[in-house]
Amino acid sequence: MSPLVLPLLLLISTTDLQEAQRVTRETQTISTELMSPFCKGLTLASCSSGRAAEWRREIKGWVQEGVPREQIEARLQERVPSFRLSSKPPGAWDWLLPIFALLAAVGMVALVSRRLVPRGPKNQSIQPLSPPSEPSSAAKSRLNAELSDLEG
């Protein structure tokens, strides 16, 4: 056997393994996001019905063929036009996301602006200092008495 055959076989098997993992992930994602018309309130991935298993196999086959996700969903939706396959009901909470985003943006602007704007004294006018007044004669005599006690 040629020394190049083994690395080539490993490369081919690694590529096949990566492709199989990609197909499995994509199939699982689609099956998890689509509601099952066979099991009320469950997705195709969690439905134990034989027909749901059939659909999962078909999804896997389409993913292997390279059929785009939107087309897979459209094919399945054509089979049950009166049933909504999308797991997200239209408009249920769609209005909350923009409101939360707006509130978060306003909050961030407020926080940033508070940090950037310098803060000064609030409604306090600065009073100039008045020159010191001359001490009274009683204060002068008391100061002189204390100084003489310290010196002597």
C-alpha atoms as a PDB file:
ATOM      1  CA  MET A   1       0.000   0.000   0.000  1.00  0.00           C
ATOM      2  CA  SER A   2       1.308   3.430  -0.931  1.00  0.00           C
ATOM      3  CA  PRO A   3       2.289   5.779   1.942  1.00  0.00           C
ATOM      4  CA  LEU A   4      -0.113   8.390   0.545  1.00  0.00           C
ATOM      5  CA  VAL A   5      -3.191   6.163   0.660  1.00  0.00           C
ATOM      6  CA  LEU A   6      -3.693   6.246   4.441  1.00  0.00           C
ATOM      7  CA  PRO A   7      -3.612  10.076   4.785  1.00  0.00           C
ATOM      8  CA  LEU A   8      -5.910  10.345   1.770  1.00  0.00           C
ATOM      9  CA  LEU A   9      -8.385   7.899   3.327  1.00  0.00           C
ATOM     10  CA  LEU A  10      -8.276   9.821   6.616  1.00  0.00           C
ATOM     11  CA  LEU A  11      -8.919  13.082   4.789  1.00  0.00           C
ATOM     12  CA  ILE A  12     -11.897  11.615   2.921  1.00  0.00           C
ATOM     13  CA  SER A  13     -13.389  10.081   6.068  1.00  0.00           C
ATOM     14  CA  THR A  14     -12.928  13.348   7.999  1.00  0.00           C
ATOM     15  CA  THR A  15     -14.693  15.291   5.251  1.00  0.00           C
ATOM     16  CA  ASP A  16     -17.521  12.755   5.183  1.00  0.00           C
ATOM     17  CA  LEU A  17     -17.847  12.955   8.962  1.00  0.00           C
ATOM     18  CA  GLN A  18     -18.006  16.771   8.883  1.00  0.00           C
ATOM     19  CA  GLU A  19     -20.682  16.668   6.174  1.00  0.00           C
ATOM     20  CA  ALA A  20     -22.704  14.110   8.139  1.00  0.00           C
ATOM     21  CA  GLN A  21     -22.491  16.307  11.241  1.00  0.00           C
ATOM     22  CA  ARG A  22     -23.610  19.359   9.252  1.00  0.00           C
ATOM     23  CA  VAL A  23     -26.584  17.461   7.803  1.00  0.00           C
ATOM     24  CA  THR A  24     -27.562  16.176  11.258  1.00  0.00           C
ATOM     25  CA  ARG A  25     -27.300  19.661  12.818  1.00  0.00           C
ATOM     26  CA  GLU A  26     -29.347  21.307  10.050  1.00  0.00           C
ATOM     27  CA  THR A  27     -31.972  18.550  10.137  1.00  0.00           C
ATOM     28  CA  GLN A  28     -32.237  18.871  13.922  1.00  0.00           C
ATOM     29  CA  THR A  29     -32.519  22.661  13.717  1.00  0.00           C
ATOM     30  CA  ILE A  30     -35.324  22.526  11.154  1.00  0.00           C
ATOM     31  CA  SER A  31     -37.148  19.748  13.025  1.00  0.00           C
ATOM     32  CA  THR A  32     -36.884  21.656  16.299  1.00  0.00           C
ATOM     33  CA  GLU A  33     -38.245  24.900  14.854  1.00  0.00           C
ATOM     34  CA  LEU A  34     -41.231  23.433  12.989  1.00  0.00           C
ATOM     35  CA  MET A  35     -44.414  22.415  14.770  1.00  0.00           C
ATOM     36  CA  SER A  36     -45.739  18.928  14.130  1.00  0.00           C
ATOM     37  CA  PRO A  37     -49.193  18.609  12.576  1.00  0.00           C
ATOM     38  CA  PHE A  38     -49.284  15.072  14.024  1.00  0.00           C
ATOM     39  CA  CYS A  39     -48.684  15.877  17.730  1.00  0.00           C
ATOM     40  CA  LYS A  40     -50.531  18.880  19.108  1.00  0.00           C
ATOM     41  CA  GLY A  41     -48.183  21.425  20.721  1.00  0.00           C
ATOM     42  CA  LEU A  42     -44.973  19.523  19.866  1.00  0.00           C
ATOM     43  CA  THR A  43     -42.268  20.160  17.311  1.00  0.00           C
ATOM     44  CA  LEU A  44     -41.364  17.645  14.607  1.00  0.00           C
ATOM     45  CA  ALA A  45     -38.230  16.774  16.620  1.00  0.00           C
ATOM     46  CA  SER A  46     -40.177  15.884  19.768  1.00  0.00           C
ATOM     47  CA  CYS A  47     -43.188  14.224  18.141  1.00  0.00           C
ATOM     48  CA  SER A  48     -43.150  10.415  18.413  1.00  0.00           C
ATOM     49  CA  SER A  49     -45.589   9.893  15.525  1.00  0.00           C
ATOM     50  CA  GLY A  50     -44.460   7.671  12.679  1.00  0.00           C
ATOM     51  CA  ARG A  51     -45.490  10.361  10.187  1.00  0.00           C
ATOM     52  CA  ALA A  52     -43.295  12.905  11.997  1.00  0.00           C
ATOM     53  CA  ALA A  53     -40.393  10.447  11.763  1.00  0.00           C
ATOM     54  CA  GLU A  54     -41.095  10.189   8.007  1.00  0.00           C
ATOM     55  CA  TRP A  55     -40.965  13.960   7.698  1.00  0.00           C
ATOM     56  CA  ARG A  56     -37.675  14.081   9.617  1.00  0.00           C
ATOM     57  CA  ARG A  57     -36.174  11.524   7.212  1.00  0.00           C
ATOM     58  CA  GLU A  58     -37.380  13.575   4.256  1.00  0.00           C
ATOM     59  CA  ILE A  59     -35.917  16.747   5.764  1.00  0.00           C
ATOM     60  CA  LYS A  60     -32.589  14.947   6.196  1.00  0.00           C
ATOM     61  CA  GLY A  61     -32.672  13.820   2.570  1.00  0.00           C
ATOM     62  CA  TRP A  62     -33.417  17.342   1.338  1.00  0.00           C
ATOM     63  CA  VAL A  63     -30.618  18.774   3.476  1.00  0.00           C
ATOM     64  CA  GLN A  64     -28.230  16.180   1.995  1.00  0.00           C
ATOM     65  CA  GLU A  65     -29.361  17.224  -1.498  1.00  0.00           C
ATOM     66  CA  GLY A  66     -28.613  20.841  -0.637  1.00  0.00           C
ATOM     67  CA  VAL A  67     -32.212  22.093  -0.739  1.00  0.00           C
ATOM     68  CA  PRO A  68     -32.402  25.527   0.946  1.00  0.00           C
ATOM     69  CA  ARG A  69     -34.122  25.681   4.309  1.00  0.00           C
ATOM     70  CA  GLU A  70     -36.879  28.018   3.094  1.00  0.00           C
ATOM     71  CA  GLN A  71     -37.738  25.603   0.291  1.00  0.00           C
ATOM     72  CA  ILE A  72     -37.856  22.662   2.730  1.00  0.00           C
ATOM     73  CA  GLU A  73     -40.265  24.582   4.949  1.00  0.00           C
ATOM     74  CA  ALA A  74     -42.356  25.573   1.916  1.00  0.00           C
ATOM     75  CA  ARG A  75     -42.564  21.944   0.721  1.00  0.00           C
ATOM     76  CA  LEU A  76     -43.777  20.802   4.126  1.00  0.00           C
ATOM     77  CA  GLN A  77     -46.220  23.713   4.450  1.00  0.00           C
ATOM     78  CA  GLU A  78     -47.771  22.791   1.079  1.00  0.00           C
ATOM     79  CA  ARG A  79     -48.700  19.401   2.541  1.00  0.00           C
ATOM     80  CA  VAL A  80     -50.719  20.960   5.376  1.00  0.00           C
ATOM     81  CA  PRO A  81     -51.875  24.395   4.191  1.00  0.00           C
ATOM     82  CA  SER A  82     -54.378  24.803   7.027  1.00  0.00           C
ATOM     83  CA  PHE A  83     -51.725  24.140   9.717  1.00  0.00           C
ATOM     84  CA  ARG A  84     -49.099  26.693  10.698  1.00  0.00           C
ATOM     85  CA  LEU A  85     -45.735  24.912  10.892  1.00  0.00           C
ATOM     86  CA  SER A  86     -43.839  27.884  12.264  1.00  0.00           C
ATOM     87  CA  SER A  87     -43.318  27.455  16.005  1.00  0.00           C
ATOM     88  CA  LYS A  88     -43.585  31.199  16.571  1.00  0.00           C
ATOM     89  CA  PRO A  89     -47.098  32.578  16.355  1.00  0.00           C
ATOM     90  CA  PRO A  90     -47.286  35.761  14.295  1.00  0.00           C
ATOM     91  CA  GLY A  91     -47.138  38.937  16.332  1.00  0.00           C
ATOM     92  CA  ALA A  92     -47.303  37.275  19.731  1.00  0.00           C
ATOM     93  CA  TRP A  93     -44.423  39.171  21.338  1.00  0.00           C
ATOM     94  CA  ASP A  94     -42.975  40.887  18.284  1.00  0.00           C
ATOM     95  CA  TRP A  95     -43.852  44.341  19.600  1.00  0.00           C
ATOM     96  CA  LEU A  96     -41.851  43.854  22.822  1.00  0.00           C
ATOM     97  CA  LEU A  97     -38.436  43.542  21.224  1.00  0.00           C
ATOM     98  CA  PRO A  98     -38.367  47.040  19.677  1.00  0.00           C
ATOM     99  CA  ILE A  99     -39.645  48.564  22.927  1.00  0.00           C
ATOM    100  CA  PHE A 100     -36.966  46.828  25.006  1.00  0.00           C
ATOM    101  CA  ALA A 101     -34.308  47.829  22.476  1.00  0.00           C
ATOM    102  CA  LEU A 102     -35.454  51.449  22.612  1.00  0.00           C
ATOM    103  CA  LEU A 103     -35.480  51.478  26.427  1.00  0.00           C
ATOM    104  CA  ALA A 104     -32.016  49.937  26.536  1.00  0.00           C
ATOM    105  CA  ALA A 105     -30.695  52.519  24.073  1.00  0.00           C
ATOM    106  CA  VAL A 106     -32.193  55.422  26.047  1.00  0.00           C
ATOM    107  CA  GLY A 107     -30.738  54.009  29.262  1.00  0.00           C
ATOM    108  CA  MET A 108     -27.294  53.673  27.709  1.00  0.00           C
ATOM    109  CA  VAL A 109     -27.395  57.248  26.378  1.00  0.00           C
ATOM    110  CA  ALA A 110     -28.416  58.496  29.834  1.00  0.00           C
ATOM    111  CA  LEU A 111     -25.592  56.599  31.548  1.00  0.00           C
ATOM    112  CA  VAL A 112     -22.967  57.725  29.072  1.00  0.00           C
ATOM    113  CA  SER A 113     -24.116  61.345  29.135  1.00  0.00           C
ATOM    114  CA  ARG A 114     -24.037  61.419  32.950  1.00  0.00           C
ATOM    115  CA  ARG A 115     -20.430  60.301  32.886  1.00  0.00           C
ATOM    116  CA  LEU A 116     -19.359  62.702  30.131  1.00  0.00           C
ATOM    117  CA  VAL A 117     -21.008  65.894  31.404  1.00  0.00           C
ATOM    118  CA  PRO A 118     -18.963  67.531  34.186  1.00  0.00           C
ATOM    119  CA  ARG A 119     -20.821  68.122  37.398  1.00  0.00           C
ATOM    120  CA  GLY A 120     -20.605  71.444  39.169  1.00  0.00           C
ATOM    121  CA  PRO A 121     -22.145  72.788  42.344  1.00  0.00           C
ATOM    122  CA  LYS A 122     -25.929  72.746  42.213  1.00  0.00           C
ATOM    123  CA  ASN A 123     -27.513  76.213  42.465  1.00  0.00           C
ATOM    124  CA  GLN A 124     -24.824  77.489  44.778  1.00  0.00           C
ATOM    125  CA  SER A 125     -23.229  80.783  44.012  1.00  0.00           C
ATOM    126  CA  ILE A 126     -19.634  81.171  45.059  1.00  0.00           C
ATOM    127  CA  GLN A 127     -19.254  83.912  47.663  1.00  0.00           C
ATOM    128  CA  PRO A 128     -15.957  85.789  47.666  1.00  0.00           C
ATOM    129  CA  LEU A 129     -14.105  85.659  50.941  1.00  0.00           C
ATOM    130  CA  SER A 130     -14.222  88.861  52.951  1.00  0.00           C
ATOM    131  CA  PRO A 131     -10.991  90.132  54.416  1.00  0.00           C
ATOM    132  CA  PRO A 132     -10.460  89.122  58.021  1.00  0.00           C
ATOM    133  CA  SER A 133     -11.680  91.656  60.553  1.00  0.00           C
ATOM    134  CA  GLU A 134      -9.456  93.175  63.229  1.00  0.00           C
ATOM    135  CA  PRO A 135      -9.619  91.174  66.519  1.00  0.00           C
ATOM    136  CA  SER A 136     -11.259  92.892  69.456  1.00  0.00           C
ATOM    137  CA  SER A 137      -9.167  94.389  72.282  1.00  0.00           C
ATOM    138  CA  ALA A 138     -10.380  91.657  74.684  1.00  0.00           C
ATOM    139  CA  ALA A 139      -9.187  88.964  72.249  1.00  0.00           C
ATOM    140  CA  LYS A 140      -5.830  90.701  71.875  1.00  0.00           C
ATOM    141  CA  SER A 141      -5.292  90.922  75.616  1.00  0.00           C
ATOM    142  CA  ARG A 142      -6.267  87.233  76.125  1.00  0.00           C
ATOM    143  CA  LEU A 143      -3.872  86.186  73.307  1.00  0.00           C
ATOM    144  CA  ASN A 144      -1.048  88.219  74.829  1.00  0.00           C
ATOM    145  CA  ALA A 145      -1.720  86.650  78.259  1.00  0.00           C
ATOM    146  CA  GLU A 146      -1.580  83.129  76.865  1.00  0.00           C
ATOM    147  CA  LEU A 147       1.619  83.860  74.954  1.00  0.00           C
ATOM    148  CA  SER A 148       3.315  85.247  78.048  1.00  0.00           C
ATOM    149  CA  ASP A 149       2.274  82.137  80.051  1.00  0.00           C
ATOM    150  CA  LEU A 150       3.890  79.940  77.396  1.00  0.00           C
ATOM    151  CA  GLU A 151       7.123  81.909  77.364  1.00  0.00           C
ATOM    152  CA  GLY A 152       7.611  82.201  80.913  1.00  0.00           C
END
